[in-house]
């Protein structure tokens, strides 16, 4: 069930079971440009602790120059 970011923060503040909670949006398709190459990519919003809670680091997959 989707809910607002302020509601997420309130749930996060009140929970005592997990080491942390993460949130994300479904996102959508966006036109992006990397190294002068245009493409469409799925983009989603995540909370600031998303990657650290999962124990991973974010990366940008670059498009090779033509």
N, C-alpha and C. Protein backbone atom coordinates (compact mmCIF):
# COMPACT_ATOMS: atom_id res chain seq x y z
N UNK A 1 0.85 -1.18 0.00
CA UNK A 1 0.00 0.00 0.00
C UNK A 1 0.90 1.24 0.00
N UNK A 2 0.78 2.09 -0.98
CA UNK A 2 1.62 3.30 -1.04
C UNK A 2 1.24 4.28 0.08
N UNK A 3 2.24 4.98 0.56
CA UNK A 3 1.99 6.04 1.52
C UNK A 3 3.03 7.13 1.36
N UNK A 4 2.79 8.26 1.99
CA UNK A 4 3.62 9.45 1.82
C UNK A 4 4.96 9.29 2.55
N UNK A 5 5.92 10.13 2.15
CA UNK A 5 7.23 10.11 2.82
C UNK A 5 7.10 10.49 4.30
N UNK A 6 6.32 11.51 4.66
CA UNK A 6 6.15 11.80 6.10
C UNK A 6 5.56 10.60 6.87
N UNK A 7 4.66 9.87 6.25
CA UNK A 7 4.11 8.69 6.92
C UNK A 7 5.20 7.62 7.07
N UNK A 8 6.01 7.44 6.03
CA UNK A 8 7.13 6.49 6.11
C UNK A 8 8.05 6.86 7.27
N UNK A 9 8.41 8.14 7.39
CA UNK A 9 9.31 8.59 8.47
C UNK A 9 8.71 8.31 9.84
N UNK A 10 7.40 8.48 9.98
CA UNK A 10 6.74 8.21 11.26
C UNK A 10 6.78 6.72 11.59
N UNK A 11 6.54 5.88 10.61
CA UNK A 11 6.62 4.42 10.82
C UNK A 11 8.04 4.03 11.18
N UNK A 12 9.01 4.59 10.45
CA UNK A 12 10.42 4.30 10.72
C UNK A 12 10.81 4.70 12.14
N UNK A 13 10.35 5.86 12.56
CA UNK A 13 10.68 6.37 13.89
C UNK A 13 10.10 5.48 14.99
N UNK A 14 8.93 4.91 14.75
CA UNK A 14 8.25 4.14 15.77
C UNK A 14 8.60 2.66 15.81
N UNK A 15 9.22 2.14 14.79
CA UNK A 15 9.49 0.70 14.76
C UNK A 15 10.74 0.36 15.56
N UNK A 16 10.75 -0.82 16.18
CA UNK A 16 11.89 -1.25 16.99
C UNK A 16 12.36 -2.66 16.60
N UNK A 17 11.81 -3.22 15.55
CA UNK A 17 12.10 -4.61 15.18
C UNK A 17 13.27 -4.71 14.22
N UNK A 18 13.34 -3.83 13.25
CA UNK A 18 14.35 -3.90 12.20
C UNK A 18 15.47 -2.90 12.45
N UNK A 19 16.65 -3.17 11.85
CA UNK A 19 17.76 -2.23 11.98
C UNK A 19 17.47 -0.94 11.22
N UNK A 20 16.64 -1.00 10.21
CA UNK A 20 16.24 0.17 9.45
C UNK A 20 15.18 -0.19 8.44
N UNK A 21 14.49 0.80 7.94
CA UNK A 21 13.49 0.61 6.90
C UNK A 21 13.92 1.38 5.66
N UNK A 22 13.57 0.88 4.51
CA UNK A 22 13.85 1.57 3.25
C UNK A 22 12.54 1.83 2.53
N UNK A 23 12.56 2.84 1.69
CA UNK A 23 11.40 3.14 0.87
C UNK A 23 11.82 3.42 -0.55
N UNK A 24 10.91 3.20 -1.48
CA UNK A 24 11.18 3.47 -2.89
C UNK A 24 9.87 3.76 -3.60
N UNK A 25 10.00 4.44 -4.72
CA UNK A 25 8.84 4.69 -5.58
C UNK A 25 8.98 3.79 -6.79
N UNK A 26 7.88 3.54 -7.44
CA UNK A 26 7.90 2.69 -8.63
C UNK A 26 8.70 3.36 -9.74
N UNK A 27 8.66 4.66 -9.81
CA UNK A 27 9.43 5.38 -10.83
C UNK A 27 8.76 5.33 -12.18
N UNK A 28 9.49 5.68 -13.20
CA UNK A 28 8.97 5.70 -14.55
C UNK A 28 10.09 5.75 -15.56
N UNK A 29 9.73 5.80 -16.82
CA UNK A 29 10.71 5.87 -17.90
C UNK A 29 11.04 7.33 -18.17
N UNK A 30 12.32 7.62 -18.25
CA UNK A 30 12.79 8.98 -18.51
C UNK A 30 13.82 8.97 -19.62
N UNK A 31 13.87 10.06 -20.37
CA UNK A 31 14.94 10.25 -21.35
C UNK A 31 16.17 10.73 -20.59
N UNK A 32 17.30 10.06 -20.80
CA UNK A 32 18.54 10.45 -20.14
C UNK A 32 19.65 10.58 -21.18
N UNK A 33 20.67 11.32 -20.81
CA UNK A 33 21.84 11.47 -21.68
C UNK A 33 23.08 11.17 -20.86
N UNK A 34 23.89 10.24 -21.34
CA UNK A 34 25.17 9.89 -20.71
C UNK A 34 26.22 9.87 -21.81
N UNK A 35 27.28 10.64 -21.62
CA UNK A 35 28.36 10.73 -22.62
C UNK A 35 27.82 11.07 -24.01
N UNK A 36 26.90 12.01 -24.06
CA UNK A 36 26.29 12.50 -25.31
C UNK A 36 25.45 11.43 -26.03
N UNK A 37 25.12 10.33 -25.38
CA UNK A 37 24.26 9.30 -25.96
C UNK A 37 22.90 9.36 -25.27
N UNK A 38 21.84 9.47 -26.06
CA UNK A 38 20.49 9.52 -25.52
C UNK A 38 19.91 8.13 -25.39
N UNK A 39 19.14 7.94 -24.34
CA UNK A 39 18.52 6.64 -24.08
C UNK A 39 17.31 6.84 -23.19
N UNK A 40 16.49 5.82 -23.07
CA UNK A 40 15.41 5.83 -22.08
C UNK A 40 15.79 4.85 -20.99
N UNK A 41 15.48 5.22 -19.76
CA UNK A 41 15.84 4.37 -18.64
C UNK A 41 14.77 4.47 -17.57
N UNK A 42 14.57 3.39 -16.84
CA UNK A 42 13.66 3.39 -15.71
C UNK A 42 14.38 4.02 -14.52
N UNK A 43 13.73 4.99 -13.90
CA UNK A 43 14.30 5.72 -12.78
C UNK A 43 13.33 5.63 -11.62
N UNK A 44 13.84 5.36 -10.42
CA UNK A 44 13.01 5.29 -9.22
C UNK A 44 13.64 6.13 -8.11
N UNK A 45 12.81 6.67 -7.24
CA UNK A 45 13.27 7.39 -6.05
C UNK A 45 13.45 6.38 -4.93
N UNK A 46 14.50 6.54 -4.13
CA UNK A 46 14.72 5.70 -2.96
C UNK A 46 15.08 6.58 -1.77
N UNK A 47 14.87 6.05 -0.57
CA UNK A 47 15.26 6.79 0.63
C UNK A 47 16.78 6.84 0.73
N UNK A 48 17.29 7.79 1.49
CA UNK A 48 18.73 7.99 1.59
C UNK A 48 19.50 6.81 2.16
N UNK A 49 18.84 5.97 2.91
CA UNK A 49 19.51 4.82 3.52
C UNK A 49 19.31 3.53 2.71
N UNK A 50 18.73 3.62 1.55
CA UNK A 50 18.36 2.44 0.76
C UNK A 50 19.55 1.51 0.52
N UNK A 51 20.62 2.05 -0.01
CA UNK A 51 21.77 1.21 -0.35
C UNK A 51 22.54 0.74 0.89
N UNK A 52 22.71 1.61 1.87
CA UNK A 52 23.44 1.20 3.07
C UNK A 52 22.71 0.11 3.83
N UNK A 53 21.40 0.17 3.90
CA UNK A 53 20.63 -0.89 4.57
C UNK A 53 20.75 -2.22 3.84
N UNK A 54 20.87 -2.16 2.52
CA UNK A 54 21.04 -3.38 1.74
C UNK A 54 22.49 -3.85 1.72
N UNK A 55 23.41 -3.00 2.21
CA UNK A 55 24.83 -3.36 2.24
C UNK A 55 25.49 -3.32 0.87
N UNK A 56 24.99 -2.46 0.00
CA UNK A 56 25.55 -2.33 -1.35
C UNK A 56 25.81 -0.86 -1.64
N UNK A 57 26.51 -0.59 -2.74
CA UNK A 57 26.81 0.77 -3.17
C UNK A 57 26.12 1.05 -4.50
N UNK A 58 25.57 2.26 -4.67
CA UNK A 58 24.94 2.60 -5.96
C UNK A 58 25.99 2.73 -7.05
N UNK A 59 25.59 2.48 -8.28
CA UNK A 59 26.50 2.67 -9.40
C UNK A 59 25.72 3.24 -10.58
N UNK A 60 26.44 3.85 -11.46
CA UNK A 60 25.86 4.38 -12.69
C UNK A 60 26.40 3.54 -13.84
N UNK A 61 25.52 2.92 -14.56
CA UNK A 61 25.92 2.13 -15.70
C UNK A 61 25.97 3.06 -16.91
N UNK A 62 27.15 3.38 -17.34
CA UNK A 62 27.33 4.33 -18.44
C UNK A 62 27.12 3.67 -19.79
N UNK A 63 26.61 4.44 -20.71
CA UNK A 63 26.42 3.99 -22.08
C UNK A 63 27.71 4.27 -22.85
N UNK A 64 28.21 3.29 -23.57
CA UNK A 64 29.45 3.47 -24.32
C UNK A 64 29.25 4.47 -25.46
N UNK A 65 30.29 5.26 -25.74
CA UNK A 65 30.24 6.20 -26.87
C UNK A 65 30.10 5.41 -28.17
N UNK A 66 29.26 5.91 -29.09
CA UNK A 66 29.13 5.21 -30.39
C UNK A 66 30.37 5.33 -31.24
